[in-house]
């Protein structure tokens, strides 16, 4: 899996551009953090014990589709 890369998530009006990085967070060694370039969006996701991706932290409002979009760019 990628360590750091440019990523794009679907915003409500326009695409949200940012950088995704592999991090350790709250006991998860393979978490990913997305930070938008304009600082409007921050999202941290990781796989649970069943290998399902879940949101660990984020700014609000949050769109569930962002998890799927980020995972597609990770693998």
N, C-alpha and C. Protein backbone atom coordinates (compact mmCIF):
# COMPACT_ATOMS: atom_id res chain seq x y z
N UNK A 1 0.84 -1.19 0.00
CA UNK A 1 0.00 0.00 0.00
C UNK A 1 0.88 1.25 0.00
N UNK A 2 0.35 2.30 -0.51
CA UNK A 2 1.10 3.54 -0.66
C UNK A 2 1.36 4.20 0.69
N UNK A 3 2.50 4.90 0.81
CA UNK A 3 2.85 5.62 2.03
C UNK A 3 2.28 7.04 2.04
N UNK A 4 2.43 7.75 0.92
CA UNK A 4 1.90 9.10 0.78
C UNK A 4 1.61 9.36 -0.69
N UNK A 5 0.47 10.01 -0.96
CA UNK A 5 0.10 10.26 -2.34
C UNK A 5 -0.95 11.37 -2.41
N UNK A 6 -1.05 11.98 -3.58
CA UNK A 6 -2.10 12.96 -3.82
C UNK A 6 -3.41 12.21 -4.00
N UNK A 7 -4.48 12.75 -3.43
CA UNK A 7 -5.78 12.10 -3.51
C UNK A 7 -6.86 13.15 -3.77
N UNK A 8 -7.98 12.68 -4.32
CA UNK A 8 -9.12 13.56 -4.61
C UNK A 8 -10.38 12.87 -4.10
N UNK A 9 -11.18 13.60 -3.33
CA UNK A 9 -12.46 13.09 -2.86
C UNK A 9 -13.57 13.96 -3.46
N UNK A 10 -14.75 13.41 -3.57
CA UNK A 10 -15.88 14.12 -4.15
C UNK A 10 -16.50 15.03 -3.11
N UNK A 11 -16.44 16.33 -3.36
CA UNK A 11 -17.08 17.29 -2.47
C UNK A 11 -18.53 17.49 -2.85
N UNK A 12 -19.26 18.23 -2.05
CA UNK A 12 -20.66 18.47 -2.37
C UNK A 12 -20.82 19.37 -3.59
N UNK A 13 -19.84 20.25 -3.82
CA UNK A 13 -19.90 21.15 -4.98
C UNK A 13 -18.76 20.91 -5.97
N UNK A 14 -17.57 20.68 -5.45
CA UNK A 14 -16.38 20.51 -6.28
C UNK A 14 -15.50 19.42 -5.69
N UNK A 15 -14.57 18.90 -6.46
CA UNK A 15 -13.63 17.92 -5.92
C UNK A 15 -12.79 18.52 -4.79
N UNK A 16 -12.40 17.67 -3.84
CA UNK A 16 -11.56 18.10 -2.73
C UNK A 16 -10.19 17.46 -2.91
N UNK A 17 -9.18 18.28 -3.16
CA UNK A 17 -7.83 17.81 -3.41
C UNK A 17 -7.04 17.82 -2.12
N UNK A 18 -6.19 16.78 -1.96
CA UNK A 18 -5.38 16.73 -0.75
C UNK A 18 -4.28 15.70 -0.83
N UNK A 19 -3.68 15.45 0.31
CA UNK A 19 -2.60 14.48 0.46
C UNK A 19 -3.06 13.42 1.44
N UNK A 20 -2.88 12.16 1.06
CA UNK A 20 -3.16 11.04 1.95
C UNK A 20 -1.84 10.43 2.39
N UNK A 21 -1.76 10.09 3.67
CA UNK A 21 -0.54 9.53 4.23
C UNK A 21 -0.87 8.34 5.12
N UNK A 22 0.00 7.35 5.08
CA UNK A 22 -0.13 6.20 5.97
C UNK A 22 0.42 6.62 7.33
N UNK A 23 -0.36 6.37 8.39
CA UNK A 23 0.03 6.78 9.74
C UNK A 23 -0.32 5.69 10.75
N UNK A 24 0.17 5.84 11.96
CA UNK A 24 -0.30 5.07 13.11
C UNK A 24 -1.24 5.98 13.88
N UNK A 25 -2.41 5.43 14.26
CA UNK A 25 -3.41 6.25 14.94
C UNK A 25 -4.23 5.39 15.88
N UNK A 26 -4.23 5.73 17.13
CA UNK A 26 -5.11 5.10 18.12
C UNK A 26 -5.04 3.57 18.09
N UNK A 27 -3.83 3.02 18.00
CA UNK A 27 -3.65 1.58 17.98
C UNK A 27 -3.70 0.93 16.61
N UNK A 28 -3.99 1.69 15.59
CA UNK A 28 -4.02 1.18 14.21
C UNK A 28 -2.70 1.55 13.53
N UNK A 29 -1.92 0.54 13.16
CA UNK A 29 -0.63 0.80 12.51
C UNK A 29 -0.76 1.12 11.03
N UNK A 30 -1.87 0.75 10.42
CA UNK A 30 -2.06 0.96 8.98
C UNK A 30 -3.23 1.90 8.70
N UNK A 31 -3.30 2.97 9.44
CA UNK A 31 -4.35 3.96 9.19
C UNK A 31 -3.89 4.90 8.08
N UNK A 32 -4.86 5.57 7.47
CA UNK A 32 -4.57 6.57 6.44
C UNK A 32 -5.25 7.87 6.81
N UNK A 33 -4.51 8.95 6.62
CA UNK A 33 -5.02 10.28 6.93
C UNK A 33 -5.08 11.09 5.64
N UNK A 34 -6.22 11.70 5.38
CA UNK A 34 -6.40 12.60 4.24
C UNK A 34 -6.53 14.01 4.79
N UNK A 35 -5.71 14.91 4.26
CA UNK A 35 -5.79 16.34 4.60
C UNK A 35 -5.97 17.11 3.30
N UNK A 36 -7.05 17.85 3.21
CA UNK A 36 -7.27 18.63 2.00
C UNK A 36 -6.30 19.80 1.94
N UNK A 37 -5.99 20.21 0.74
CA UNK A 37 -5.04 21.30 0.53
C UNK A 37 -5.56 22.60 1.15
N UNK A 38 -6.87 22.81 1.10
CA UNK A 38 -7.45 24.04 1.65
C UNK A 38 -7.84 23.92 3.13
N UNK A 39 -7.49 22.80 3.75
CA UNK A 39 -7.77 22.53 5.17
C UNK A 39 -9.26 22.45 5.51
N UNK A 40 -10.09 22.19 4.52
CA UNK A 40 -11.53 22.09 4.77
C UNK A 40 -11.94 20.67 5.18
N UNK A 41 -11.09 19.68 4.89
CA UNK A 41 -11.45 18.29 5.16
C UNK A 41 -10.26 17.54 5.74
N UNK A 42 -10.53 16.81 6.81
CA UNK A 42 -9.53 15.95 7.45
C UNK A 42 -10.23 14.64 7.75
N UNK A 43 -9.64 13.52 7.32
CA UNK A 43 -10.26 12.21 7.47
C UNK A 43 -9.19 11.19 7.82
N UNK A 44 -9.47 10.34 8.80
CA UNK A 44 -8.58 9.24 9.15
C UNK A 44 -9.39 7.96 9.08
N UNK A 45 -8.89 6.97 8.32
CA UNK A 45 -9.56 5.68 8.18
C UNK A 45 -8.57 4.55 8.45
N UNK A 46 -9.10 3.38 8.79
CA UNK A 46 -8.28 2.19 9.00
C UNK A 46 -9.16 0.96 8.84
N UNK A 47 -8.50 -0.18 8.64
CA UNK A 47 -9.22 -1.44 8.55
C UNK A 47 -9.44 -2.01 9.94
N UNK A 48 -10.64 -2.53 10.18
CA UNK A 48 -10.92 -3.17 11.46
C UNK A 48 -10.48 -4.64 11.40
N UNK A 49 -10.79 -5.40 12.43
CA UNK A 49 -10.38 -6.81 12.50
C UNK A 49 -10.99 -7.67 11.41
N UNK A 50 -12.09 -7.22 10.82
CA UNK A 50 -12.75 -7.94 9.73
C UNK A 50 -12.33 -7.41 8.36
N UNK A 51 -11.26 -6.60 8.33
CA UNK A 51 -10.73 -5.99 7.11
C UNK A 51 -11.71 -5.04 6.44
N UNK A 52 -12.64 -4.49 7.21
CA UNK A 52 -13.56 -3.48 6.70
C UNK A 52 -12.98 -2.11 7.04
N UNK A 53 -13.01 -1.19 6.09
CA UNK A 53 -12.50 0.15 6.33
C UNK A 53 -13.52 0.94 7.12
N UNK A 54 -13.04 1.68 8.11
CA UNK A 54 -13.91 2.49 8.94
C UNK A 54 -13.31 3.86 9.20
N UNK A 55 -14.16 4.80 9.51
CA UNK A 55 -13.72 6.15 9.86
C UNK A 55 -13.32 6.16 11.33
N UNK A 56 -12.12 6.68 11.59
CA UNK A 56 -11.66 6.83 12.96
C UNK A 56 -11.83 8.26 13.45
N UNK A 57 -11.67 9.22 12.55
CA UNK A 57 -11.83 10.63 12.89
C UNK A 57 -12.05 11.40 11.60
N UNK A 58 -12.74 12.54 11.72
CA UNK A 58 -12.93 13.39 10.55
C UNK A 58 -13.54 14.71 10.96
N UNK A 59 -13.45 15.64 10.03
CA UNK A 59 -14.19 16.89 10.18
C UNK A 59 -15.64 16.62 9.83
N UNK A 60 -16.49 17.53 10.21
CA UNK A 60 -17.92 17.44 9.87
C UNK A 60 -18.24 18.57 8.91
N UNK A 61 -19.16 18.41 8.01
CA UNK A 61 -19.93 17.20 7.77
C UNK A 61 -19.07 16.12 7.12
N UNK A 62 -19.53 14.89 7.25
CA UNK A 62 -18.81 13.73 6.75
C UNK A 62 -19.69 12.98 5.76
N UNK A 63 -19.09 12.58 4.64
CA UNK A 63 -19.81 11.76 3.66
C UNK A 63 -19.22 10.35 3.67
N UNK A 64 -20.05 9.35 3.85
CA UNK A 64 -19.61 7.95 3.92
C UNK A 64 -18.87 7.52 2.66
N UNK A 65 -19.24 8.08 1.53
CA UNK A 65 -18.61 7.72 0.25
C UNK A 65 -17.12 8.04 0.24
N UNK A 66 -16.67 8.98 1.08
CA UNK A 66 -15.26 9.33 1.12
C UNK A 66 -14.38 8.16 1.51
N UNK A 67 -14.88 7.28 2.37
CA UNK A 67 -14.09 6.10 2.76
C UNK A 67 -13.81 5.26 1.52
N UNK A 68 -14.85 4.94 0.77
CA UNK A 68 -14.69 4.11 -0.44
C UNK A 68 -13.78 4.79 -1.46
N UNK A 69 -13.95 6.08 -1.64
CA UNK A 69 -13.14 6.81 -2.61
C UNK A 69 -11.66 6.79 -2.22
N UNK A 70 -11.39 6.97 -0.94
CA UNK A 70 -9.99 6.97 -0.49
C UNK A 70 -9.39 5.58 -0.57
N UNK A 71 -10.15 4.56 -0.21
CA UNK A 71 -9.65 3.18 -0.28
C UNK A 71 -9.28 2.81 -1.72
N UNK A 72 -10.08 3.22 -2.68
CA UNK A 72 -9.77 2.93 -4.09
C UNK A 72 -8.44 3.55 -4.51
N UNK A 73 -8.07 4.67 -3.90
CA UNK A 73 -6.82 5.33 -4.24
C UNK A 73 -5.63 4.76 -3.46
N UNK A 74 -5.93 4.09 -2.35
CA UNK A 74 -4.86 3.47 -1.54
C UNK A 74 -4.32 2.23 -2.22
N UNK A 75 -5.22 1.37 -2.70
CA UNK A 75 -4.80 0.08 -3.26
C UNK A 75 -4.55 0.13 -4.74
